[in-house]
């Protein structure tokens, strides 16, 4: 069980990094002529995947082996 949680945490952290890189390479945060910040969905996805990865990794360390 601990191995699956750690593997899932690592996968979510890797997805977070991939989304962050995709945001920076392809889109980037821009302000249009009306003063509105234009971002893609990669920013919230990156944050969500990062939080899930951290939660899974922390739970894998707190989970006791029976």
N, C-alpha and C. Protein backbone atom coordinates (compact mmCIF):
# COMPACT_ATOMS: atom_id res chain seq x y z
N UNK A 1 0.83 -1.19 0.00
CA UNK A 1 0.00 0.00 0.00
C UNK A 1 0.88 1.26 0.00
N UNK A 2 1.94 1.23 0.81
CA UNK A 2 2.82 2.40 0.86
C UNK A 2 3.51 2.64 -0.46
N UNK A 3 3.88 1.58 -1.15
CA UNK A 3 4.54 1.71 -2.44
C UNK A 3 3.61 2.34 -3.48
N UNK A 4 2.34 1.93 -3.46
CA UNK A 4 1.37 2.50 -4.40
C UNK A 4 1.13 3.98 -4.13
N UNK A 5 1.07 4.35 -2.86
CA UNK A 5 0.88 5.76 -2.52
C UNK A 5 2.09 6.59 -2.95
N UNK A 6 3.28 6.07 -2.72
CA UNK A 6 4.48 6.81 -3.13
C UNK A 6 4.57 6.92 -4.64
N UNK A 7 4.27 5.84 -5.34
CA UNK A 7 4.30 5.86 -6.80
C UNK A 7 3.27 6.86 -7.35
N UNK A 8 2.08 6.84 -6.76
CA UNK A 8 1.06 7.81 -7.18
C UNK A 8 1.49 9.24 -6.91
N UNK A 9 2.11 9.48 -5.77
CA UNK A 9 2.61 10.81 -5.45
C UNK A 9 3.67 11.29 -6.42
N UNK A 10 4.57 10.39 -6.78
CA UNK A 10 5.62 10.75 -7.73
C UNK A 10 5.04 11.02 -9.10
N UNK A 11 4.05 10.23 -9.51
CA UNK A 11 3.40 10.45 -10.81
C UNK A 11 2.69 11.80 -10.84
N UNK A 12 1.98 12.14 -9.78
CA UNK A 12 1.29 13.43 -9.74
C UNK A 12 2.29 14.59 -9.71
N UNK A 13 3.40 14.44 -9.02
CA UNK A 13 4.41 15.50 -9.05
C UNK A 13 5.02 15.65 -10.44
N UNK A 14 5.24 14.54 -11.14
CA UNK A 14 5.75 14.60 -12.51
C UNK A 14 4.74 15.27 -13.44
N UNK A 15 3.45 14.96 -13.26
CA UNK A 15 2.41 15.62 -14.06
C UNK A 15 2.37 17.12 -13.77
N UNK A 16 2.58 17.48 -12.53
CA UNK A 16 2.60 18.89 -12.15
C UNK A 16 3.74 19.62 -12.85
N UNK A 17 4.89 19.02 -12.86
CA UNK A 17 6.05 19.63 -13.53
C UNK A 17 5.80 19.72 -15.04
N UNK A 18 5.21 18.69 -15.63
CA UNK A 18 4.92 18.70 -17.07
C UNK A 18 3.91 19.80 -17.42
N UNK A 19 2.88 19.98 -16.60
CA UNK A 19 1.90 21.04 -16.85
C UNK A 19 2.54 22.42 -16.70
N UNK A 20 3.42 22.57 -15.72
CA UNK A 20 4.08 23.85 -15.52
C UNK A 20 4.99 24.19 -16.71
N UNK A 21 5.71 23.18 -17.19
CA UNK A 21 6.59 23.39 -18.35
C UNK A 21 5.77 23.71 -19.59
N UNK A 22 4.66 23.00 -19.79
CA UNK A 22 3.80 23.27 -20.94
C UNK A 22 3.24 24.69 -20.89
N UNK A 23 2.88 25.16 -19.72
CA UNK A 23 2.38 26.53 -19.56
C UNK A 23 3.46 27.54 -19.96
N UNK A 24 4.66 27.34 -19.48
CA UNK A 24 5.74 28.29 -19.76
C UNK A 24 6.17 28.25 -21.23
N UNK A 25 6.22 27.07 -21.83
CA UNK A 25 6.72 26.95 -23.19
C UNK A 25 5.67 27.40 -24.22
N UNK A 26 4.45 26.92 -24.06
CA UNK A 26 3.46 27.15 -25.11
C UNK A 26 2.58 28.38 -24.89
N UNK A 27 2.26 28.71 -23.65
CA UNK A 27 1.30 29.77 -23.41
C UNK A 27 1.92 30.95 -22.69
N UNK A 28 2.29 30.77 -21.47
CA UNK A 28 2.81 31.87 -20.67
C UNK A 28 1.68 32.81 -20.26
N UNK A 29 1.85 33.50 -19.18
CA UNK A 29 0.83 34.43 -18.71
C UNK A 29 1.00 35.75 -19.45
N UNK A 30 -0.05 36.18 -20.11
CA UNK A 30 -0.01 37.44 -20.85
C UNK A 30 -1.16 38.33 -20.40
N UNK A 31 -0.96 39.62 -20.49
CA UNK A 31 -2.01 40.59 -20.22
C UNK A 31 -2.44 41.16 -21.57
N UNK A 32 -3.74 41.05 -21.89
CA UNK A 32 -4.22 41.55 -23.18
C UNK A 32 -4.41 43.06 -23.14
N UNK A 33 -4.91 43.60 -24.23
CA UNK A 33 -5.03 45.06 -24.34
C UNK A 33 -6.06 45.65 -23.39
N UNK A 34 -6.98 44.82 -22.85
CA UNK A 34 -7.97 45.30 -21.89
C UNK A 34 -7.49 45.18 -20.45
N UNK A 35 -6.28 44.71 -20.25
CA UNK A 35 -5.73 44.57 -18.91
C UNK A 35 -6.15 43.29 -18.20
N UNK A 36 -6.61 42.29 -18.96
CA UNK A 36 -7.06 41.02 -18.38
C UNK A 36 -5.95 39.99 -18.54
N UNK A 37 -5.66 39.28 -17.45
CA UNK A 37 -4.63 38.26 -17.47
C UNK A 37 -5.14 37.03 -18.22
N UNK A 38 -4.40 36.59 -19.22
CA UNK A 38 -4.77 35.42 -20.02
C UNK A 38 -3.88 34.25 -19.65
N UNK A 39 -4.50 33.20 -19.12
CA UNK A 39 -3.76 31.99 -18.76
C UNK A 39 -4.50 30.77 -19.30
N UNK A 40 -3.79 29.68 -19.41
CA UNK A 40 -4.42 28.44 -19.84
C UNK A 40 -4.83 27.62 -18.62
N UNK A 41 -5.37 26.45 -18.87
CA UNK A 41 -5.78 25.56 -17.77
C UNK A 41 -4.61 24.81 -17.17
N UNK A 42 -3.42 24.98 -17.72
CA UNK A 42 -2.26 24.27 -17.18
C UNK A 42 -1.85 24.79 -15.80
N UNK A 43 -2.10 26.05 -15.50
CA UNK A 43 -1.72 26.61 -14.19
C UNK A 43 -2.52 25.95 -13.07
N UNK A 44 -3.87 25.93 -13.13
CA UNK A 44 -4.59 25.26 -12.05
C UNK A 44 -4.36 23.76 -12.02
N UNK A 45 -4.18 23.14 -13.18
CA UNK A 45 -3.88 21.71 -13.19
C UNK A 45 -2.55 21.42 -12.51
N UNK A 46 -1.57 22.26 -12.76
CA UNK A 46 -0.27 22.08 -12.15
C UNK A 46 -0.37 22.18 -10.63
N UNK A 47 -1.12 23.15 -10.14
CA UNK A 47 -1.29 23.31 -8.69
C UNK A 47 -2.05 22.13 -8.09
N UNK A 48 -3.09 21.67 -8.77
CA UNK A 48 -3.87 20.54 -8.29
C UNK A 48 -3.03 19.27 -8.24
N UNK A 49 -2.29 18.99 -9.30
CA UNK A 49 -1.44 17.80 -9.32
C UNK A 49 -0.36 17.88 -8.26
N UNK A 50 0.19 19.07 -8.03
CA UNK A 50 1.22 19.23 -7.01
C UNK A 50 0.66 18.92 -5.62
N UNK A 51 -0.52 19.47 -5.31
CA UNK A 51 -1.12 19.22 -4.00
C UNK A 51 -1.46 17.74 -3.81
N UNK A 52 -2.01 17.11 -4.85
CA UNK A 52 -2.31 15.68 -4.76
C UNK A 52 -1.04 14.86 -4.56
N UNK A 53 0.02 15.21 -5.26
CA UNK A 53 1.28 14.49 -5.11
C UNK A 53 1.85 14.61 -3.71
N UNK A 54 1.82 15.82 -3.15
CA UNK A 54 2.32 16.03 -1.79
C UNK A 54 1.47 15.27 -0.78
N UNK A 55 0.15 15.31 -0.94
CA UNK A 55 -0.74 14.60 -0.02
C UNK A 55 -0.48 13.10 -0.07
N UNK A 56 -0.34 12.55 -1.27
CA UNK A 56 -0.08 11.11 -1.39
C UNK A 56 1.27 10.72 -0.80
N UNK A 57 2.28 11.54 -1.05
CA UNK A 57 3.60 11.23 -0.49
C UNK A 57 3.60 11.31 1.03
N UNK A 58 2.98 12.33 1.58
CA UNK A 58 2.92 12.45 3.04
C UNK A 58 2.12 11.31 3.65
N UNK A 59 1.03 10.91 3.00
CA UNK A 59 0.24 9.81 3.55
C UNK A 59 1.00 8.49 3.45
N UNK A 60 1.86 8.35 2.45
CA UNK A 60 2.64 7.11 2.36
C UNK A 60 3.65 7.00 3.49
N UNK A 61 4.15 8.14 3.97
CA UNK A 61 5.09 8.11 5.08
C UNK A 61 4.38 7.95 6.42
N UNK A 62 3.13 8.39 6.49
CA UNK A 62 2.37 8.28 7.75
C UNK A 62 1.66 6.94 7.89
N UNK A 63 1.46 6.25 6.77
CA UNK A 63 0.76 4.97 6.77
C UNK A 63 1.66 3.90 7.38
N UNK A 64 1.16 3.20 8.38
CA UNK A 64 1.96 2.18 9.05
C UNK A 64 1.76 0.81 8.41
N UNK A 65 2.82 0.07 8.40
CA UNK A 65 2.76 -1.29 7.88
C UNK A 65 2.20 -2.21 8.96
N UNK A 66 1.22 -3.03 8.61
CA UNK A 66 0.58 -3.91 9.60
C UNK A 66 1.18 -5.28 9.59
